[in-house]
Amino acid sequence: MARDVARINDAARGKWPSIIGMALAATRNYDPFEAPTHFRLSDLLKKLDKTFGATGKNYGKGGRDTAFDDIEKRRRDRWDFLFIAGIWIQEG
């Protein structure tokens, strides 16, 4: 699913302008005083990299056919995120 989101997001512009825009938005909106203890900006950027695959680093594959090594790679990250997005559309 993350690849589908990246494909849709990158359709209007190139991959790197999208990645740079995402990183700048994360940097601009990150407040270390409001963040959980020990959650640094680098942790946030790493989570976003896992989602969008910007650096190409292997964080372990998710899904039904996940191997044990992939599960161990994903468990090394201490932070789990739940992204909730909504859109309000008024027609007519």
PDB file of N, CA and C in Angstrom:
ATOM      1  N   MET A   1       0.815  -1.190   0.000  1.00  0.00           N
ATOM      2  CA  MET A   1       0.000   0.000   0.000  1.00  0.00           C
ATOM      3  C   MET A   1       0.858   1.253   0.000  1.00  0.00           C
ATOM      4  N   ALA A   2       1.969   1.238   0.739  1.00  0.00           N
ATOM      5  CA  ALA A   2       2.847   2.412   0.783  1.00  0.00           C
ATOM      6  C   ALA A   2       3.375   2.740  -0.609  1.00  0.00           C
ATOM      7  N   ARG A   3       3.648   1.711  -1.397  1.00  0.00           N
ATOM      8  CA  ARG A   3       4.124   1.946  -2.763  1.00  0.00           C
ATOM      9  C   ARG A   3       3.045   2.599  -3.614  1.00  0.00           C
ATOM     10  N   ASP A   4       1.770   2.213  -3.385  1.00  0.00           N
ATOM     11  CA  ASP A   4       0.674   2.833  -4.119  1.00  0.00           C
ATOM     12  C   ASP A   4       0.556   4.312  -3.766  1.00  0.00           C
ATOM     13  N   VAL A   5       0.692   4.631  -2.469  1.00  0.00           N
ATOM     14  CA  VAL A   5       0.632   6.025  -2.035  1.00  0.00           C
ATOM     15  C   VAL A   5       1.771   6.809  -2.658  1.00  0.00           C
ATOM     16  N   ALA A   6       2.954   6.246  -2.660  1.00  0.00           N
ATOM     17  CA  ALA A   6       4.099   6.923  -3.262  1.00  0.00           C
ATOM     18  C   ALA A   6       3.886   7.124  -4.760  1.00  0.00           C
ATOM     19  N   ARG A   7       3.336   6.150  -5.436  1.00  0.00           N
ATOM     20  CA  ARG A   7       3.097   6.258  -6.873  1.00  0.00           C
ATOM     21  C   ARG A   7       2.092   7.365  -7.181  1.00  0.00           C
ATOM     22  N   ILE A   8       1.032   7.447  -6.383  1.00  0.00           N
ATOM     23  CA  ILE A   8       0.034   8.492  -6.576  1.00  0.00           C
ATOM     24  C   ILE A   8       0.635   9.860  -6.264  1.00  0.00           C
ATOM     25  N   ASN A   9       1.371   9.947  -5.176  1.00  0.00           N
ATOM     26  CA  ASN A   9       1.970  11.217  -4.768  1.00  0.00           C
ATOM     27  C   ASN A   9       2.974  11.718  -5.804  1.00  0.00           C
ATOM     28  N   ASP A  10       3.744  10.821  -6.365  1.00  0.00           N
ATOM     29  CA  ASP A  10       4.789  11.206  -7.307  1.00  0.00           C
ATOM     30  C   ASP A  10       4.259  11.423  -8.725  1.00  0.00           C
ATOM     31  N   ALA A  11       2.985  11.169  -8.953  1.00  0.00           N
ATOM     32  CA  ALA A  11       2.438  11.299 -10.303  1.00  0.00           C
ATOM     33  C   ALA A  11       2.426  12.749 -10.780  1.00  0.00           C
ATOM     34  N   ALA A  12       2.225  13.688  -9.872  1.00  0.00           N
ATOM     35  CA  ALA A  12       2.125  15.094 -10.257  1.00  0.00           C
ATOM     36  C   ALA A  12       3.491  15.766 -10.335  1.00  0.00           C
ATOM     37  N   ARG A  13       4.476  15.209  -9.715  1.00  0.00           N
ATOM     38  CA  ARG A  13       5.824  15.773  -9.744  1.00  0.00           C
ATOM     39  C   ARG A  13       6.814  14.641  -9.565  1.00  0.00           C
ATOM     40  N   GLY A  14       8.072  14.938  -9.688  1.00  0.00           N
ATOM     41  CA  GLY A  14       9.108  13.918  -9.576  1.00  0.00           C
ATOM     42  C   GLY A  14       9.229  13.360  -8.173  1.00  0.00           C
ATOM     43  N   LYS A  15       9.913  12.237  -8.078  1.00  0.00           N
ATOM     44  CA  LYS A  15      10.084  11.576  -6.791  1.00  0.00           C
ATOM     45  C   LYS A  15      10.856  12.457  -5.818  1.00  0.00           C
ATOM     46  N   TRP A  16      11.959  13.025  -6.258  1.00  0.00           N
ATOM     47  CA  TRP A  16      12.802  13.786  -5.331  1.00  0.00           C
ATOM     48  C   TRP A  16      12.168  15.085  -4.862  1.00  0.00           C
ATOM     49  N   PRO A  17      11.467  15.847  -5.700  1.00  0.00           N
ATOM     50  CA  PRO A  17      10.753  17.008  -5.151  1.00  0.00           C
ATOM     51  C   PRO A  17       9.705  16.611  -4.104  1.00  0.00           C
ATOM     52  N   SER A  18       9.061  15.460  -4.300  1.00  0.00           N
ATOM     53  CA  SER A  18       8.084  14.976  -3.320  1.00  0.00           C
ATOM     54  C   SER A  18       8.766  14.614  -2.008  1.00  0.00           C
ATOM     55  N   ILE A  19       9.899  13.937  -2.088  1.00  0.00           N
ATOM     56  CA  ILE A  19      10.631  13.529  -0.886  1.00  0.00           C
ATOM     57  C   ILE A  19      11.172  14.748  -0.149  1.00  0.00           C
ATOM     58  N   ILE A  20      11.721  15.693  -0.884  1.00  0.00           N
ATOM     59  CA  ILE A  20      12.250  16.906  -0.255  1.00  0.00           C
ATOM     60  C   ILE A  20      11.115  17.694   0.403  1.00  0.00           C
ATOM     61  N   GLY A  21       9.985  17.799  -0.278  1.00  0.00           N
ATOM     62  CA  GLY A  21       8.831  18.485   0.310  1.00  0.00           C
ATOM     63  C   GLY A  21       8.354  17.815   1.579  1.00  0.00           C
ATOM     64  N   MET A  22       8.320  16.478   1.588  1.00  0.00           N
ATOM     65  CA  MET A  22       7.913  15.737   2.771  1.00  0.00           C
ATOM     66  C   MET A  22       8.897  15.966   3.918  1.00  0.00           C
ATOM     67  N   ALA A  23      10.190  15.928   3.639  1.00  0.00           N
ATOM     68  CA  ALA A  23      11.205  16.129   4.675  1.00  0.00           C
ATOM     69  C   ALA A  23      11.142  17.554   5.229  1.00  0.00           C
ATOM     70  N   LEU A  24      10.952  18.531   4.365  1.00  0.00           N
ATOM     71  CA  LEU A  24      10.848  19.918   4.828  1.00  0.00           C
ATOM     72  C   LEU A  24       9.597  20.128   5.687  1.00  0.00           C
ATOM     73  N   ALA A  25       8.485  19.522   5.282  1.00  0.00           N
ATOM     74  CA  ALA A  25       7.259  19.637   6.071  1.00  0.00           C
ATOM     75  C   ALA A  25       7.426  18.982   7.436  1.00  0.00           C
ATOM     76  N   ALA A  26       8.073  17.822   7.485  1.00  0.00           N
ATOM     77  CA  ALA A  26       8.313  17.144   8.761  1.00  0.00           C
ATOM     78  C   ALA A  26       9.224  17.980   9.649  1.00  0.00           C
ATOM     79  N   THR A  27      10.265  18.539   9.068  1.00  0.00           N
ATOM     80  CA  THR A  27      11.205  19.365   9.832  1.00  0.00           C
ATOM     81  C   THR A  27      10.519  20.625  10.357  1.00  0.00           C
ATOM     82  N   ARG A  28       9.711  21.237   9.532  1.00  0.00           N
ATOM     83  CA  ARG A  28       9.034  22.479   9.914  1.00  0.00           C
ATOM     84  C   ARG A  28       8.009  22.239  11.029  1.00  0.00           C
ATOM     85  N   ASN A  29       7.350  21.094  11.013  1.00  0.00           N
ATOM     86  CA  ASN A  29       6.270  20.838  11.973  1.00  0.00           C
ATOM     87  C   ASN A  29       6.682  20.021  13.188  1.00  0.00           C
ATOM     88  N   TYR A  30       7.915  19.575  13.242  1.00  0.00           N
ATOM     89  CA  TYR A  30       8.385  18.785  14.390  1.00  0.00           C
ATOM     90  C   TYR A  30       8.699  19.729  15.554  1.00  0.00           C
ATOM     91  N   ASP A  31       8.135  19.453  16.706  1.00  0.00           N
ATOM     92  CA  ASP A  31       8.403  20.235  17.910  1.00  0.00           C
ATOM     93  C   ASP A  31       8.967  19.297  18.965  1.00  0.00           C
ATOM     94  N   PRO A  32      10.268  19.399  19.265  1.00  0.00           N
ATOM     95  CA  PRO A  32      10.869  18.457  20.216  1.00  0.00           C
ATOM     96  C   PRO A  32      10.286  18.567  21.623  1.00  0.00           C
ATOM     97  N   PHE A  33       9.718  19.714  21.968  1.00  0.00           N
ATOM     98  CA  PHE A  33       9.140  19.878  23.302  1.00  0.00           C
ATOM     99  C   PHE A  33       7.770  19.215  23.421  1.00  0.00           C
ATOM    100  N   GLU A  34       7.122  18.959  22.299  1.00  0.00           N
ATOM    101  CA  GLU A  34       5.819  18.291  22.292  1.00  0.00           C
ATOM    102  C   GLU A  34       5.933  16.804  21.945  1.00  0.00           C
ATOM    103  N   ALA A  35       7.091  16.379  21.501  1.00  0.00           N
ATOM    104  CA  ALA A  35       7.298  14.988  21.082  1.00  0.00           C
ATOM    105  C   ALA A  35       7.466  14.078  22.300  1.00  0.00           C
ATOM    106  N   PRO A  36       7.187  12.790  22.134  1.00  0.00           N
ATOM    107  CA  PRO A  36       7.436  11.847  23.226  1.00  0.00           C
ATOM    108  C   PRO A  36       8.920  11.835  23.614  1.00  0.00           C
ATOM    109  N   THR A  37       9.190  11.422  24.826  1.00  0.00           N
ATOM    110  CA  THR A  37      10.564  11.341  25.315  1.00  0.00           C
ATOM    111  C   THR A  37      11.393  10.446  24.396  1.00  0.00           C
ATOM    112  N   HIS A  38      12.569  10.886  24.064  1.00  0.00           N
ATOM    113  CA  HIS A  38      13.537  10.162  23.222  1.00  0.00           C
ATOM    114  C   HIS A  38      13.118  10.051  21.759  1.00  0.00           C
ATOM    115  N   PHE A  39      12.091  10.763  21.336  1.00  0.00           N
ATOM    116  CA  PHE A  39      11.693  10.736  19.930  1.00  0.00           C
ATOM    117  C   PHE A  39      12.298  11.950  19.237  1.00  0.00           C
ATOM    118  N   ARG A  40      13.331  11.690  18.448  1.00  0.00           N
ATOM    119  CA  ARG A  40      14.073  12.768  17.784  1.00  0.00           C
ATOM    120  C   ARG A  40      13.545  12.985  16.368  1.00  0.00           C
ATOM    121  N   LEU A  41      13.967  14.096  15.779  1.00  0.00           N
ATOM    122  CA  LEU A  41      13.608  14.386  14.400  1.00  0.00           C
ATOM    123  C   LEU A  41      14.119  13.283  13.480  1.00  0.00           C
ATOM    124  N   SER A  42      15.288  12.748  13.766  1.00  0.00           N
ATOM    125  CA  SER A  42      15.829  11.663  12.940  1.00  0.00           C
ATOM    126  C   SER A  42      14.930  10.422  12.992  1.00  0.00           C
ATOM    127  N   ASP A  43      14.297  10.168  14.139  1.00  0.00           N
ATOM    128  CA  ASP A  43      13.357   9.046  14.234  1.00  0.00           C
ATOM    129  C   ASP A  43      12.141   9.278  13.345  1.00  0.00           C
ATOM    130  N   LEU A  44      11.650  10.509  13.322  1.00  0.00           N
ATOM    131  CA  LEU A  44      10.513  10.841  12.467  1.00  0.00           C
ATOM    132  C   LEU A  44      10.870  10.678  10.990  1.00  0.00           C
ATOM    133  N   LEU A  45      12.028  11.175  10.607  1.00  0.00           N
ATOM    134  CA  LEU A  45      12.451  11.047   9.209  1.00  0.00           C
ATOM    135  C   LEU A  45      12.666   9.587   8.821  1.00  0.00           C
ATOM    136  N   LYS A  46      13.150   8.784   9.762  1.00  0.00           N
ATOM    137  CA  LYS A  46      13.327   7.352   9.502  1.00  0.00           C
ATOM    138  C   LYS A  46      11.973   6.672   9.281  1.00  0.00           C
ATOM    139  N   LYS A  47      10.966   7.036  10.090  1.00  0.00           N
ATOM    140  CA  LYS A  47       9.632   6.456   9.913  1.00  0.00           C
ATOM    141  C   LYS A  47       9.059   6.827   8.544  1.00  0.00           C
ATOM    142  N   LEU A  48       9.251   8.075   8.140  1.00  0.00           N
ATOM    143  CA  LEU A  48       8.755   8.497   6.841  1.00  0.00           C
ATOM    144  C   LEU A  48       9.527   7.821   5.708  1.00  0.00           C
ATOM    145  N   ASP A  49      10.822   7.594   5.925  1.00  0.00           N
ATOM    146  CA  ASP A  49      11.622   6.886   4.922  1.00  0.00           C
ATOM    147  C   ASP A  49      11.133   5.447   4.772  1.00  0.00           C
ATOM    148  N   LYS A  50      10.760   4.816   5.869  1.00  0.00           N
ATOM    149  CA  LYS A  50      10.209   3.458   5.795  1.00  0.00           C
ATOM    150  C   LYS A  50       8.955   3.424   4.938  1.00  0.00           C
ATOM    151  N   THR A  51       8.148   4.460   5.049  1.00  0.00           N
ATOM    152  CA  THR A  51       6.887   4.511   4.314  1.00  0.00           C
ATOM    153  C   THR A  51       7.099   4.793   2.836  1.00  0.00           C
ATOM    154  N   PHE A  52       7.938   5.787   2.528  1.00  0.00           N
ATOM    155  CA  PHE A  52       8.088   6.247   1.153  1.00  0.00           C
ATOM    156  C   PHE A  52       9.294   5.668   0.424  1.00  0.00           C
ATOM    157  N   GLY A  53      10.205   5.008   1.142  1.00  0.00           N
ATOM    158  CA  GLY A  53      11.353   4.382   0.491  1.00  0.00           C
ATOM    159  C   GLY A  53      12.294   5.372  -0.170  1.00  0.00           C
ATOM    160  N   ALA A  54      12.522   6.503   0.467  1.00  0.00           N
ATOM    161  CA  ALA A  54      13.339   7.564  -0.129  1.00  0.00           C
ATOM    162  C   ALA A  54      14.799   7.148  -0.294  1.00  0.00           C
ATOM    163  N   THR A  55      15.377   6.545   0.715  1.00  0.00           N
ATOM    164  CA  THR A  55      16.802   6.221   0.663  1.00  0.00           C
ATOM    165  C   THR A  55      17.081   4.850   0.074  1.00  0.00           C
ATOM    166  N   GLY A  56      16.062   4.016  -0.027  1.00  0.00           N
ATOM    167  CA  GLY A  56      16.262   2.669  -0.549  1.00  0.00           C
ATOM    168  C   GLY A  56      16.795   1.696   0.491  1.00  0.00           C
ATOM    169  N   LYS A  57      16.905   2.137   1.742  1.00  0.00           N
ATOM    170  CA  LYS A  57      17.389   1.273   2.814  1.00  0.00           C
ATOM    171  C   LYS A  57      16.366   0.175   3.093  1.00  0.00           C
ATOM    172  N   ASN A  58      16.844  -1.001   3.398  1.00  0.00           N
ATOM    173  CA  ASN A  58      15.982  -2.145   3.665  1.00  0.00           C
ATOM    174  C   ASN A  58      15.610  -2.171   5.142  1.00  0.00           C
ATOM    175  N   TYR A  59      14.357  -1.844   5.446  1.00  0.00           N
ATOM    176  CA  TYR A  59      13.863  -1.865   6.823  1.00  0.00           C
ATOM    177  C   TYR A  59      13.095  -3.141   7.126  1.00  0.00           C
ATOM    178  N   GLY A  60      13.058  -4.048   6.189  1.00  0.00           N
ATOM    179  CA  GLY A  60      12.292  -5.272   6.353  1.00  0.00           C
ATOM    180  C   GLY A  60      10.945  -5.138   5.675  1.00  0.00           C
ATOM    181  N   LYS A  61      10.540  -6.194   5.044  1.00  0.00           N
ATOM    182  CA  LYS A  61       9.298  -6.198   4.282  1.00  0.00           C
ATOM    183  C   LYS A  61       8.138  -6.568   5.192  1.00  0.00           C
ATOM    184  N   GLY A  62       6.990  -5.955   4.959  1.00  0.00           N
ATOM    185  CA  GLY A  62       5.788  -6.300   5.705  1.00  0.00           C
ATOM    186  C   GLY A  62       4.792  -6.985   4.793  1.00  0.00           C
ATOM    187  N   GLY A  63       3.828  -7.642   5.372  1.00  0.00           N
ATOM    188  CA  GLY A  63       2.805  -8.304   4.579  1.00  0.00           C
ATOM    189  C   GLY A  63       2.655  -9.762   4.971  1.00  0.00           C
ATOM    190  N   ARG A  64       1.869 -10.478   4.186  1.00  0.00           N
ATOM    191  CA  ARG A  64       1.591 -11.885   4.498  1.00  0.00           C
ATOM    192  C   ARG A  64       2.803 -12.787   4.325  1.00  0.00           C
ATOM    193  N   ASP A  65       3.602 -12.542   3.312  1.00  0.00           N
ATOM    194  CA  ASP A  65       4.742 -13.425   3.039  1.00  0.00           C
ATOM    195  C   ASP A  65       6.039 -12.892   3.660  1.00  0.00           C
ATOM    196  N   THR A  66       5.926 -12.309   4.836  1.00  0.00           N
ATOM    197  CA  THR A  66       7.074 -11.728   5.519  1.00  0.00           C
ATOM    198  C   THR A  66       7.950 -12.827   6.109  1.00  0.00           C
ATOM    199  N   ALA A  67       9.241 -12.730   5.866  1.00  0.00           N
ATOM    200  CA  ALA A  67      10.194 -13.681   6.429  1.00  0.00           C
ATOM    201  C   ALA A  67      10.557 -13.268   7.859  1.00  0.00           C
ATOM    202  N   PHE A  68      11.094 -14.212   8.627  1.00  0.00           N
ATOM    203  CA  PHE A  68      11.464 -13.948  10.015  1.00  0.00           C
ATOM    204  C   PHE A  68      12.498 -12.830  10.110  1.00  0.00           C
ATOM    205  N   ASP A  69      13.459 -12.794   9.193  1.00  0.00           N
ATOM    206  CA  ASP A  69      14.474 -11.735   9.210  1.00  0.00           C
ATOM    207  C   ASP A  69      13.840 -10.353   9.020  1.00  0.00           C
ATOM    208  N   ASP A  70      12.836 -10.268   8.161  1.00  0.00           N
ATOM    209  CA  ASP A  70      12.139  -9.001   7.952  1.00  0.00           C
ATOM    210  C   ASP A  70      11.391  -8.569   9.211  1.00  0.00           C
ATOM    211  N   ILE A  71      10.789  -9.524   9.875  1.00  0.00           N
ATOM    212  CA  ILE A  71      10.078  -9.217  11.114  1.00  0.00           C
ATOM    213  C   ILE A  71      11.059  -8.682  12.154  1.00  0.00           C
ATOM    214  N   GLU A  72      12.214  -9.306  12.277  1.00  0.00           N
ATOM    215  CA  GLU A  72      13.216  -8.837  13.237  1.00  0.00           C
ATOM    216  C   GLU A  72      13.715  -7.437  12.893  1.00  0.00           C
ATOM    217  N   LYS A  73      13.909  -7.148  11.620  1.00  0.00           N
ATOM    218  CA  LYS A  73      14.342  -5.803  11.213  1.00  0.00           C
ATOM    219  C   LYS A  73      13.293  -4.765  11.601  1.00  0.00           C
ATOM    220  N   ARG A  74      12.029  -5.084  11.391  1.00  0.00           N
ATOM    221  CA  ARG A  74      10.963  -4.129  11.688  1.00  0.00           C
ATOM    222  C   ARG A  74      10.785  -3.962  13.192  1.00  0.00           C
ATOM    223  N   ARG A  75      11.037  -4.983  13.969  1.00  0.00           N
ATOM    224  CA  ARG A  75      10.876  -4.890  15.427  1.00  0.00           C
ATOM    225  C   ARG A  75      11.993  -4.093  16.095  1.00  0.00           C
ATOM    226  N   ARG A  76      13.098  -3.895  15.418  1.00  0.00           N
ATOM    227  CA  ARG A  76      14.191  -3.113  16.006  1.00  0.00           C
ATOM    228  C   ARG A  76      13.817  -1.649  16.204  1.00  0.00           C
ATOM    229  N   ASP A  77      12.834  -1.186  15.454  1.00  0.00           N
ATOM    230  CA  ASP A  77      12.374   0.181  15.592  1.00  0.00           C
ATOM    231  C   ASP A  77      11.438   0.258  16.793  1.00  0.00           C
ATOM    232  N   ARG A  78      11.707   1.164  17.707  1.00  0.00           N
ATOM    233  CA  ARG A  78      10.904   1.234  18.920  1.00  0.00           C
ATOM    234  C   ARG A  78       9.617   2.021  18.746  1.00  0.00           C
ATOM    235  N   TRP A  79       9.454   2.707  17.617  1.00  0.00           N
ATOM    236  CA  TRP A  79       8.295   3.560  17.416  1.00  0.00           C
ATOM    237  C   TRP A  79       7.343   2.959  16.377  1.00  0.00           C
ATOM    238  N   ASP A  80       6.066   2.903  16.721  1.00  0.00           N
ATOM    239  CA  ASP A  80       5.016   2.514  15.787  1.00  0.00           C
ATOM    240  C   ASP A  80       4.134   3.733  15.555  1.00  0.00           C
ATOM    241  N   PHE A  81       3.735   3.928  14.325  1.00  0.00           N
ATOM    242  CA  PHE A  81       2.885   5.055  13.957  1.00  0.00           C
ATOM    243  C   PHE A  81       1.575   4.543  13.398  1.00  0.00           C
ATOM    244  N   LEU A  82       0.553   5.312  13.631  1.00  0.00           N
ATOM    245  CA  LEU A  82      -0.728   5.091  12.990  1.00  0.00           C
ATOM    246  C   LEU A  82      -1.079   6.404  12.308  1.00  0.00           C
ATOM    247  N   PHE A  83      -1.065   6.388  10.995  1.00  0.00           N
ATOM    248  CA  PHE A  83      -1.404   7.583  10.228  1.00  0.00           C
ATOM    249  C   PHE A  83      -2.890   7.562   9.924  1.00  0.00           C
ATOM    250  N   ILE A  84      -3.558   8.634  10.278  1.00  0.00           N
ATOM    251  CA  ILE A  84      -4.972   8.775   9.973  1.00  0.00           C
ATOM    252  C   ILE A  84      -5.125  10.050   9.155  1.00  0.00           C
ATOM    253  N   ALA A  85      -5.698   9.923   7.994  1.00  0.00           N
ATOM    254  CA  ALA A  85      -5.886  11.078   7.136  1.00  0.00           C
ATOM    255  C   ALA A  85      -7.341  11.127   6.702  1.00  0.00           C
ATOM    256  N   GLY A  86      -7.842  12.321   6.591  1.00  0.00           N
ATOM    257  CA  GLY A  86      -9.220  12.484   6.159  1.00  0.00           C
ATOM    258  C   GLY A  86      -9.326  13.650   5.203  1.00  0.00           C
ATOM    259  N   ILE A  87     -10.408  13.663   4.467  1.00  0.00           N
ATOM    260  CA  ILE A  87     -10.658  14.747   3.545  1.00  0.00           C
ATOM    261  C   ILE A  87     -12.145  15.046   3.582  1.00  0.00           C
ATOM    262  N   TRP A  88     -12.450  16.315   3.584  1.00  0.00           N
ATOM    263  CA  TRP A  88     -13.837  16.741   3.589  1.00  0.00           C
ATOM    264  C   TRP A  88     -14.161  17.226   2.189  1.00  0.00           C
ATOM    265  N   ILE A  89     -15.184  16.632   1.611  1.00  0.00           N
ATOM    266  CA  ILE A  89     -15.581  16.981   0.257  1.00  0.00           C
ATOM    267  C   ILE A  89     -17.035  17.423   0.275  1.00  0.00           C
ATOM    268  N   GLN A  90     -17.277  18.569  -0.313  1.00  0.00           N
ATOM    269  CA  GLN A  90     -18.650  19.048  -0.421  1.00  0.00           C
ATOM    270  C   GLN A  90     -18.984  19.144  -1.909  1.00  0.00           C
ATOM    271  N   GLU A  91     -19.939  18.383  -2.309  1.00  0.00           N
ATOM    272  CA  GLU A  91     -20.358  18.412  -3.716  1.00  0.00           C
ATOM    273  C   GLU A  91     -21.653  19.178  -3.848  1.00  0.00           C
ATOM    274  N   GLY A  92     -21.743  19.881  -4.968  1.00  0.00           N
ATOM    275  CA  GLY A  92     -23.006  20.540  -5.269  1.00  0.00           C
ATOM    276  C   GLY A  92     -23.067  21.957  -4.952  1.00  0.00           C
TER     277      GLY A  92
END
